[in-house]
Amino acid sequence: MLVGVCYRSPTDYIFGRGNHSLLRDMIEEVSQSHFMLMGDFNYPGINWTDDGGPSTTATEDEKLFWQSLDDNFITQHVKVPTRMDATLVWC
């Protein structure tokens, strides 16, 4: 069982644009194992509370991230906001 914690800064100049694709690659790699991933991906354009997916205002990176989770059959288990109106991810 792999257990991971992830925090993705919402500020591109801190981590660079390439980390969006690296994060998706990591999701695809760990999805081949039993794993639990917790954290804050800072993708506010994704509706985590009811598996609604990307909103109509979601960025391309948010849409691609959601598609990566969906393609790898990853399920969000936390359905209510955990910090103010934000829902932290527990897959």
PDB file of N, CA and C in Angstrom:
ATOM      1  N   MET A   1       0.850  -1.166   0.000  1.00  0.00           N
ATOM      2  CA  MET A   1       0.000   0.000   0.000  1.00  0.00           C
ATOM      3  C   MET A   1       0.897   1.230   0.000  1.00  0.00           C
ATOM      4  N   LEU A   2       0.710   2.076  -0.987  1.00  0.00           N
ATOM      5  CA  LEU A   2       1.413   3.358  -1.042  1.00  0.00           C
ATOM      6  C   LEU A   2       0.546   4.417  -0.384  1.00  0.00           C
ATOM      7  N   VAL A   3       1.149   5.274   0.421  1.00  0.00           N
ATOM      8  CA  VAL A   3       0.449   6.381   1.047  1.00  0.00           C
ATOM      9  C   VAL A   3       1.205   7.651   0.675  1.00  0.00           C
ATOM     10  N   GLY A   4       0.478   8.633   0.170  1.00  0.00           N
ATOM     11  CA  GLY A   4       1.134   9.864  -0.247  1.00  0.00           C
ATOM     12  C   GLY A   4       0.373  11.093   0.196  1.00  0.00           C
ATOM     13  N   VAL A   5       1.119  12.168   0.356  1.00  0.00           N
ATOM     14  CA  VAL A   5       0.552  13.470   0.675  1.00  0.00           C
ATOM     15  C   VAL A   5       1.094  14.446  -0.357  1.00  0.00           C
ATOM     16  N   CYS A   6       0.211  15.266  -0.907  1.00  0.00           N
ATOM     17  CA  CYS A   6       0.616  16.188  -1.956  1.00  0.00           C
ATOM     18  C   CYS A   6       0.062  17.580  -1.686  1.00  0.00           C
ATOM     19  N   TYR A   7       0.885  18.572  -1.857  1.00  0.00           N
ATOM     20  CA  TYR A   7       0.431  19.965  -1.864  1.00  0.00           C
ATOM     21  C   TYR A   7       0.949  20.590  -3.144  1.00  0.00           C
ATOM     22  N   ARG A   8       0.043  21.048  -3.996  1.00  0.00           N
ATOM     23  CA  ARG A   8       0.432  21.743  -5.214  1.00  0.00           C
ATOM     24  C   ARG A   8       0.159  23.224  -5.015  1.00  0.00           C
ATOM     25  N   SER A   9       1.221  24.008  -5.058  1.00  0.00           N
ATOM     26  CA  SER A   9       1.065  25.450  -4.912  1.00  0.00           C
ATOM     27  C   SER A   9       0.275  25.990  -6.096  1.00  0.00           C
ATOM     28  N   PRO A  10      -0.640  26.902  -5.848  1.00  0.00           N
ATOM     29  CA  PRO A  10      -1.394  27.482  -6.956  1.00  0.00           C
ATOM     30  C   PRO A  10      -0.589  28.526  -7.734  1.00  0.00           C
ATOM     31  N   THR A  11       0.647  28.778  -7.334  1.00  0.00           N
ATOM     32  CA  THR A  11       1.469  29.808  -7.946  1.00  0.00           C
ATOM     33  C   THR A  11       2.464  29.188  -8.925  1.00  0.00           C
ATOM     34  N   ASP A  12       2.251  29.402 -10.220  1.00  0.00           N
ATOM     35  CA  ASP A  12       3.105  28.802 -11.245  1.00  0.00           C
ATOM     36  C   ASP A  12       4.570  29.193 -11.129  1.00  0.00           C
ATOM     37  N   TYR A  13       4.868  30.416 -10.722  1.00  0.00           N
ATOM     38  CA  TYR A  13       6.276  30.825 -10.694  1.00  0.00           C
ATOM     39  C   TYR A  13       7.057  30.082  -9.616  1.00  0.00           C
ATOM     40  N   ILE A  14       6.376  29.466  -8.661  1.00  0.00           N
ATOM     41  CA  ILE A  14       7.064  28.689  -7.631  1.00  0.00           C
ATOM     42  C   ILE A  14       7.456  27.310  -8.153  1.00  0.00           C
ATOM     43  N   PHE A  15       6.548  26.660  -8.881  1.00  0.00           N
ATOM     44  CA  PHE A  15       6.817  25.284  -9.298  1.00  0.00           C
ATOM     45  C   PHE A  15       6.988  25.117 -10.794  1.00  0.00           C
ATOM     46  N   GLY A  16       6.627  26.072 -11.605  1.00  0.00           N
ATOM     47  CA  GLY A  16       6.774  25.968 -13.052  1.00  0.00           C
ATOM     48  C   GLY A  16       5.596  25.265 -13.702  1.00  0.00           C
ATOM     49  N   ARG A  17       5.407  25.518 -14.974  1.00  0.00           N
ATOM     50  CA  ARG A  17       4.259  24.967 -15.705  1.00  0.00           C
ATOM     51  C   ARG A  17       4.363  23.455 -15.909  1.00  0.00           C
ATOM     52  N   GLY A  18       5.555  22.891 -15.957  1.00  0.00           N
ATOM     53  CA  GLY A  18       5.709  21.472 -16.241  1.00  0.00           C
ATOM     54  C   GLY A  18       5.210  20.550 -15.138  1.00  0.00           C
ATOM     55  N   ASN A  19       5.015  21.067 -13.941  1.00  0.00           N
ATOM     56  CA  ASN A  19       4.604  20.200 -12.839  1.00  0.00           C
ATOM     57  C   ASN A  19       3.168  19.704 -12.963  1.00  0.00           C
ATOM     58  N   HIS A  20       2.348  20.382 -13.742  1.00  0.00           N
ATOM     59  CA  HIS A  20       0.991  19.866 -13.965  1.00  0.00           C
ATOM     60  C   HIS A  20       1.061  18.490 -14.627  1.00  0.00           C
ATOM     61  N   SER A  21       1.868  18.366 -15.662  1.00  0.00           N
ATOM     62  CA  SER A  21       1.970  17.079 -16.354  1.00  0.00           C
ATOM     63  C   SER A  21       2.711  16.050 -15.502  1.00  0.00           C
ATOM     64  N   LEU A  22       3.706  16.492 -14.711  1.00  0.00           N
ATOM     65  CA  LEU A  22       4.394  15.552 -13.815  1.00  0.00           C
ATOM     66  C   LEU A  22       3.437  14.983 -12.774  1.00  0.00           C
ATOM     67  N   LEU A  23       2.536  15.809 -12.274  1.00  0.00           N
ATOM     68  CA  LEU A  23       1.541  15.349 -11.303  1.00  0.00           C
ATOM     69  C   LEU A  23       0.620  14.311 -11.941  1.00  0.00           C
ATOM     70  N   ARG A  24       0.187  14.562 -13.168  1.00  0.00           N
ATOM     71  CA  ARG A  24      -0.661  13.581 -13.864  1.00  0.00           C
ATOM     72  C   ARG A  24       0.101  12.283 -14.126  1.00  0.00           C
ATOM     73  N   ASP A  25       1.377  12.389 -14.472  1.00  0.00           N
ATOM     74  CA  ASP A  25       2.197  11.185 -14.689  1.00  0.00           C
ATOM     75  C   ASP A  25       2.320  10.376 -13.398  1.00  0.00           C
ATOM     76  N   MET A  26       2.494  11.077 -12.267  1.00  0.00           N
ATOM     77  CA  MET A  26       2.602  10.394 -10.978  1.00  0.00           C
ATOM     78  C   MET A  26       1.291   9.682 -10.646  1.00  0.00           C
ATOM     79  N   ILE A  27       0.158  10.350 -10.910  1.00  0.00           N
ATOM     80  CA  ILE A  27      -1.150   9.731 -10.662  1.00  0.00           C
ATOM     81  C   ILE A  27      -1.275   8.442 -11.466  1.00  0.00           C
ATOM     82  N   GLU A  28      -0.890   8.494 -12.730  1.00  0.00           N
ATOM     83  CA  GLU A  28      -0.979   7.304 -13.575  1.00  0.00           C
ATOM     84  C   GLU A  28      -0.073   6.185 -13.066  1.00  0.00           C
ATOM     85  N   GLU A  29       1.121   6.541 -12.610  1.00  0.00           N
ATOM     86  CA  GLU A  29       2.063   5.528 -12.120  1.00  0.00           C
ATOM     87  C   GLU A  29       1.562   4.853 -10.847  1.00  0.00           C
ATOM     88  N   VAL A  30       1.104   5.631  -9.864  1.00  0.00           N
ATOM     89  CA  VAL A  30       0.676   5.020  -8.601  1.00  0.00           C
ATOM     90  C   VAL A  30      -0.654   4.299  -8.739  1.00  0.00           C
ATOM     91  N   SER A  31      -1.422   4.618  -9.761  1.00  0.00           N
ATOM     92  CA  SER A  31      -2.726   3.968  -9.920  1.00  0.00           C
ATOM     93  C   SER A  31      -2.594   2.479 -10.229  1.00  0.00           C
ATOM     94  N   GLN A  32      -1.386   2.043 -10.538  1.00  0.00           N
ATOM     95  CA  GLN A  32      -1.148   0.627 -10.792  1.00  0.00           C
ATOM     96  C   GLN A  32      -0.996  -0.164  -9.491  1.00  0.00           C
ATOM     97  N   SER A  33      -0.991   0.541  -8.359  1.00  0.00           N
ATOM     98  CA  SER A  33      -0.809  -0.068  -7.039  1.00  0.00           C
ATOM     99  C   SER A  33      -1.997   0.268  -6.148  1.00  0.00           C
ATOM    100  N   HIS A  34      -2.045  -0.365  -4.993  1.00  0.00           N
ATOM    101  CA  HIS A  34      -3.005   0.050  -3.970  1.00  0.00           C
ATOM    102  C   HIS A  34      -2.418   1.302  -3.337  1.00  0.00           C
ATOM    103  N   PHE A  35      -3.192   2.372  -3.295  1.00  0.00           N
ATOM    104  CA  PHE A  35      -2.641   3.600  -2.746  1.00  0.00           C
ATOM    105  C   PHE A  35      -3.729   4.484  -2.154  1.00  0.00           C
ATOM    106  N   MET A  36      -3.280   5.388  -1.308  1.00  0.00           N
ATOM    107  CA  MET A  36      -4.133   6.429  -0.744  1.00  0.00           C
ATOM    108  C   MET A  36      -3.351   7.725  -0.907  1.00  0.00           C
ATOM    109  N   LEU A  37      -3.978   8.708  -1.522  1.00  0.00           N
ATOM    110  CA  LEU A  37      -3.328   9.992  -1.757  1.00  0.00           C
ATOM    111  C   LEU A  37      -4.168  11.085  -1.110  1.00  0.00           C
ATOM    112  N   MET A  38      -3.539  11.859  -0.249  1.00  0.00           N
ATOM    113  CA  MET A  38      -4.237  12.936   0.457  1.00  0.00           C
ATOM    114  C   MET A  38      -3.527  14.234   0.138  1.00  0.00           C
ATOM    115  N   GLY A  39      -4.288  15.326   0.139  1.00  0.00           N
ATOM    116  CA  GLY A  39      -3.621  16.597  -0.042  1.00  0.00           C
ATOM    117  C   GLY A  39      -4.500  17.678  -0.610  1.00  0.00           C
ATOM    118  N   ASP A  40      -3.826  18.722  -1.050  1.00  0.00           N
ATOM    119  CA  ASP A  40      -4.484  19.887  -1.613  1.00  0.00           C
ATOM    120  C   ASP A  40      -3.847  20.159  -2.968  1.00  0.00           C
ATOM    121  N   PHE A  41      -4.592  19.902  -4.021  1.00  0.00           N
ATOM    122  CA  PHE A  41      -4.072  20.099  -5.368  1.00  0.00           C
ATOM    123  C   PHE A  41      -4.317  21.514  -5.875  1.00  0.00           C
ATOM    124  N   ASN A  42      -5.084  22.303  -5.124  1.00  0.00           N
ATOM    125  CA  ASN A  42      -5.370  23.684  -5.505  1.00  0.00           C
ATOM    126  C   ASN A  42      -5.912  23.788  -6.923  1.00  0.00           C
ATOM    127  N   TYR A  43      -6.925  23.007  -7.188  1.00  0.00           N
ATOM    128  CA  TYR A  43      -7.660  23.097  -8.444  1.00  0.00           C
ATOM    129  C   TYR A  43      -9.084  23.509  -8.106  1.00  0.00           C
ATOM    130  N   PRO A  44      -9.335  24.804  -7.883  1.00  0.00           N
ATOM    131  CA  PRO A  44     -10.668  25.244  -7.466  1.00  0.00           C
ATOM    132  C   PRO A  44     -11.741  25.073  -8.543  1.00  0.00           C
ATOM    133  N   GLY A  45     -11.335  24.852  -9.775  1.00  0.00           N
ATOM    134  CA  GLY A  45     -12.315  24.661 -10.844  1.00  0.00           C
ATOM    135  C   GLY A  45     -12.874  23.254 -10.907  1.00  0.00           C
ATOM    136  N   ILE A  46     -12.489  22.393  -9.965  1.00  0.00           N
ATOM    137  CA  ILE A  46     -13.020  21.026  -9.904  1.00  0.00           C
ATOM    138  C   ILE A  46     -14.005  20.950  -8.750  1.00  0.00           C
ATOM    139  N   ASN A  47     -15.163  20.407  -9.019  1.00  0.00           N
ATOM    140  CA  ASN A  47     -16.191  20.218  -7.995  1.00  0.00           C
ATOM    141  C   ASN A  47     -15.941  18.866  -7.340  1.00  0.00           C
ATOM    142  N   TRP A  48     -15.267  18.883  -6.195  1.00  0.00           N
ATOM    143  CA  TRP A  48     -14.906  17.642  -5.500  1.00  0.00           C
ATOM    144  C   TRP A  48     -16.062  17.086  -4.678  1.00  0.00           C
ATOM    145  N   THR A  49     -17.036  17.891  -4.308  1.00  0.00           N
ATOM    146  CA  THR A  49     -18.021  17.470  -3.323  1.00  0.00           C
ATOM    147  C   THR A  49     -19.037  16.475  -3.850  1.00  0.00           C
ATOM    148  N   ASP A  50     -19.314  16.466  -5.128  1.00  0.00           N
ATOM    149  CA  ASP A  50     -20.307  15.507  -5.622  1.00  0.00           C
ATOM    150  C   ASP A  50     -19.871  14.825  -6.918  1.00  0.00           C
ATOM    151  N   ASP A  51     -18.568  14.692  -7.100  1.00  0.00           N
ATOM    152  CA  ASP A  51     -18.000  14.095  -8.308  1.00  0.00           C
ATOM    153  C   ASP A  51     -18.491  14.779  -9.568  1.00  0.00           C
ATOM    154  N   GLY A  52     -18.763  16.071  -9.451  1.00  0.00           N
ATOM    155  CA  GLY A  52     -19.260  16.817 -10.584  1.00  0.00           C
ATOM    156  C   GLY A  52     -18.218  17.092 -11.648  1.00  0.00           C
ATOM    157  N   GLY A  53     -16.958  16.962 -11.290  1.00  0.00           N
ATOM    158  CA  GLY A  53     -15.910  17.195 -12.266  1.00  0.00           C
ATOM    159  C   GLY A  53     -15.613  18.666 -12.452  1.00  0.00           C
ATOM    160  N   PRO A  54     -14.929  18.982 -13.537  1.00  0.00           N
ATOM    161  CA  PRO A  54     -14.541  20.364 -13.787  1.00  0.00           C
ATOM    162  C   PRO A  54     -15.759  21.254 -14.021  1.00  0.00           C
ATOM    163  N   SER A  55     -15.682  22.474 -13.507  1.00  0.00           N
ATOM    164  CA  SER A  55     -16.747  23.440 -13.746  1.00  0.00           C
ATOM    165  C   SER A  55     -16.600  24.009 -15.149  1.00  0.00           C
ATOM    166  N   THR A  56     -17.557  24.793 -15.549  1.00  0.00           N
ATOM    167  CA  THR A  56     -17.495  25.409 -16.878  1.00  0.00           C
ATOM    168  C   THR A  56     -16.382  26.442 -16.959  1.00  0.00           C
ATOM    169  N   THR A  57     -15.890  26.907 -15.810  1.00  0.00           N
ATOM    170  CA  THR A  57     -14.800  27.885 -15.795  1.00  0.00           C
ATOM    171  C   THR A  57     -13.447  27.240 -15.483  1.00  0.00           C
ATOM    172  N   ALA A  58     -13.378  25.920 -15.448  1.00  0.00           N
ATOM    173  CA  ALA A  58     -12.131  25.214 -15.121  1.00  0.00           C
ATOM    174  C   ALA A  58     -11.057  25.506 -16.161  1.00  0.00           C
ATOM    175  N   THR A  59      -9.826  25.571 -15.691  1.00  0.00           N
ATOM    176  CA  THR A  59      -8.693  25.759 -16.597  1.00  0.00           C
ATOM    177  C   THR A  59      -8.419  24.447 -17.341  1.00  0.00           C
ATOM    178  N   GLU A  60      -7.608  24.533 -18.367  1.00  0.00           N
ATOM    179  CA  GLU A  60      -7.235  23.327 -19.107  1.00  0.00           C
ATOM    180  C   GLU A  60      -6.490  22.346 -18.204  1.00  0.00           C
ATOM    181  N   ASP A  61      -5.629  22.857 -17.316  1.00  0.00           N
ATOM    182  CA  ASP A  61      -4.904  21.975 -16.385  1.00  0.00           C
ATOM    183  C   ASP A  61      -5.862  21.257 -15.442  1.00  0.00           C
ATOM    184  N   GLU A  62      -6.906  21.948 -14.981  1.00  0.00           N
ATOM    185  CA  GLU A  62      -7.899  21.315 -14.104  1.00  0.00           C
ATOM    186  C   GLU A  62      -8.655  20.222 -14.854  1.00  0.00           C
ATOM    187  N   LYS A  63      -9.015  20.491 -16.091  1.00  0.00           N
ATOM    188  CA  LYS A  63      -9.718  19.483 -16.897  1.00  0.00           C
ATOM    189  C   LYS A  63      -8.841  18.267 -17.139  1.00  0.00           C
ATOM    190  N   LEU A  64      -7.568  18.494 -17.463  1.00  0.00           N
ATOM    191  CA  LEU A  64      -6.652  17.380 -17.698  1.00  0.00           C
ATOM    192  C   LEU A  64      -6.413  16.571 -16.424  1.00  0.00           C
ATOM    193  N   PHE A  65      -6.315  17.252 -15.284  1.00  0.00           N
ATOM    194  CA  PHE A  65      -6.130  16.549 -14.012  1.00  0.00           C
ATOM    195  C   PHE A  65      -7.339  15.682 -13.710  1.00  0.00           C
ATOM    196  N   TRP A  66      -8.532  16.246 -13.852  1.00  0.00           N
ATOM    197  CA  TRP A  66      -9.757  15.484 -13.612  1.00  0.00           C
ATOM    198  C   TRP A  66      -9.817  14.273 -14.542  1.00  0.00           C
ATOM    199  N   GLN A  67      -9.468  14.470 -15.809  1.00  0.00           N
ATOM    200  CA  GLN A  67      -9.491  13.373 -16.769  1.00  0.00           C
ATOM    201  C   GLN A  67      -8.506  12.281 -16.372  1.00  0.00           C
ATOM    202  N   SER A  68      -7.346  12.680 -15.840  1.00  0.00           N
ATOM    203  CA  SER A  68      -6.358  11.705 -15.374  1.00  0.00           C
ATOM    204  C   SER A  68      -6.914  10.853 -14.233  1.00  0.00           C
ATOM    205  N   LEU A  69      -7.596  11.503 -13.282  1.00  0.00           N
ATOM    206  CA  LEU A  69      -8.214  10.755 -12.184  1.00  0.00           C
ATOM    207  C   LEU A  69      -9.277   9.804 -12.710  1.00  0.00           C
ATOM    208  N   ASP A  70     -10.097  10.304 -13.617  1.00  0.00           N
ATOM    209  CA  ASP A  70     -11.176   9.495 -14.183  1.00  0.00           C
ATOM    210  C   ASP A  70     -10.618   8.319 -14.998  1.00  0.00           C
ATOM    211  N   ASP A  71      -9.613   8.571 -15.809  1.00  0.00           N
ATOM    212  CA  ASP A  71      -9.007   7.513 -16.636  1.00  0.00           C
ATOM    213  C   ASP A  71      -8.399   6.401 -15.803  1.00  0.00           C
ATOM    214  N   ASN A  72      -7.936   6.740 -14.603  1.00  0.00           N
ATOM    215  CA  ASN A  72      -7.279   5.754 -13.744  1.00  0.00           C
ATOM    216  C   ASN A  72      -8.187   5.237 -12.626  1.00  0.00           C
ATOM    217  N   PHE A  73      -9.493   5.521 -12.749  1.00  0.00           N
ATOM    218  CA  PHE A  73     -10.510   5.012 -11.816  1.00  0.00           C
ATOM    219  C   PHE A  73     -10.222   5.407 -10.372  1.00  0.00           C
ATOM    220  N   ILE A  74      -9.778   6.642 -10.183  1.00  0.00           N
ATOM    221  CA  ILE A  74      -9.465   7.141  -8.849  1.00  0.00           C
ATOM    222  C   ILE A  74     -10.689   7.849  -8.297  1.00  0.00           C
ATOM    223  N   THR A  75     -11.030   7.536  -7.064  1.00  0.00           N
ATOM    224  CA  THR A  75     -12.245   8.032  -6.424  1.00  0.00           C
ATOM    225  C   THR A  75     -11.920   9.007  -5.317  1.00  0.00           C
ATOM    226  N   GLN A  76     -12.630  10.113  -5.294  1.00  0.00           N
ATOM    227  CA  GLN A  76     -12.532  11.089  -4.214  1.00  0.00           C
ATOM    228  C   GLN A  76     -13.457  10.635  -3.091  1.00  0.00           C
ATOM    229  N   HIS A  77     -12.931  10.495  -1.883  1.00  0.00           N
ATOM    230  CA  HIS A  77     -13.734   9.993  -0.773  1.00  0.00           C
ATOM    231  C   HIS A  77     -14.297  11.076   0.133  1.00  0.00           C
ATOM    232  N   VAL A  78     -13.674  12.239   0.174  1.00  0.00           N
ATOM    233  CA  VAL A  78     -14.176  13.338   1.002  1.00  0.00           C
ATOM    234  C   VAL A  78     -15.198  14.113   0.181  1.00  0.00           C
ATOM    235  N   LYS A  79     -16.407  14.234   0.684  1.00  0.00           N
ATOM    236  CA  LYS A  79     -17.495  14.845  -0.076  1.00  0.00           C
ATOM    237  C   LYS A  79     -17.964  16.177   0.484  1.00  0.00           C
ATOM    238  N   VAL A  80     -17.363  16.644   1.570  1.00  0.00           N
ATOM    239  CA  VAL A  80     -17.773  17.913   2.171  1.00  0.00           C
ATOM    240  C   VAL A  80     -16.544  18.806   2.308  1.00  0.00           C
ATOM    241  N   PRO A  81     -16.730  20.126   2.289  1.00  0.00           N
ATOM    242  CA  PRO A  81     -15.584  21.022   2.478  1.00  0.00           C
ATOM    243  C   PRO A  81     -14.886  20.746   3.806  1.00  0.00           C
ATOM    244  N   THR A  82     -13.565  20.764   3.764  1.00  0.00           N
ATOM    245  CA  THR A  82     -12.775  20.470   4.957  1.00  0.00           C
ATOM    246  C   THR A  82     -12.035  21.694   5.482  1.00  0.00           C
ATOM    247  N   ARG A  83     -11.972  22.732   4.682  1.00  0.00           N
ATOM    248  CA  ARG A  83     -11.321  23.973   5.104  1.00  0.00           C
ATOM    249  C   ARG A  83     -12.059  25.125   4.444  1.00  0.00           C
ATOM    250  N   MET A  84     -12.841  25.838   5.222  1.00  0.00           N
ATOM    251  CA  MET A  84     -13.730  26.882   4.709  1.00  0.00           C
ATOM    252  C   MET A  84     -14.590  26.277   3.600  1.00  0.00           C
ATOM    253  N   ASP A  85     -14.467  26.756   2.362  1.00  0.00           N
ATOM    254  CA  ASP A  85     -15.280  26.172   1.301  1.00  0.00           C
ATOM    255  C   ASP A  85     -14.464  25.232   0.413  1.00  0.00           C
ATOM    256  N   ALA A  86     -13.235  24.915   0.820  1.00  0.00           N
ATOM    257  CA  ALA A  86     -12.368  24.030   0.029  1.00  0.00           C
ATOM    258  C   ALA A  86     -12.492  22.591   0.520  1.00  0.00           C
ATOM    259  N   THR A  87     -12.436  21.667  -0.427  1.00  0.00           N
ATOM    260  CA  THR A  87     -12.467  20.245  -0.112  1.00  0.00           C
ATOM    261  C   THR A  87     -11.093  19.662  -0.379  1.00  0.00           C
ATOM    262  N   LEU A  88     -10.447  19.188   0.666  1.00  0.00           N
ATOM    263  CA  LEU A  88      -9.158  18.548   0.472  1.00  0.00           C
ATOM    264  C   LEU A  88      -9.374  17.164  -0.113  1.00  0.00           C
ATOM    265  N   VAL A  89      -8.406  16.720  -0.849  1.00  0.00           N
ATOM    266  CA  VAL A  89      -8.544  15.471  -1.604  1.00  0.00           C
ATOM    267  C   VAL A  89      -8.074  14.279  -0.771  1.00  0.00           C
ATOM    268  N   TRP A  90      -8.839  13.216  -0.837  1.00  0.00           N
ATOM    269  CA  TRP A  90      -8.483  11.941  -0.228  1.00  0.00           C
ATOM    270  C   TRP A  90      -8.924  10.868  -1.210  1.00  0.00           C
ATOM    271  N   CYS A  91      -7.985  10.405  -2.012  1.00  0.00           N
ATOM    272  CA  CYS A  91      -8.305   9.418  -3.044  1.00  0.00           C
ATOM    273  C   CYS A  91      -7.854   8.042  -2.620  1.00  0.00           C
TER     274      CYS A  91
END
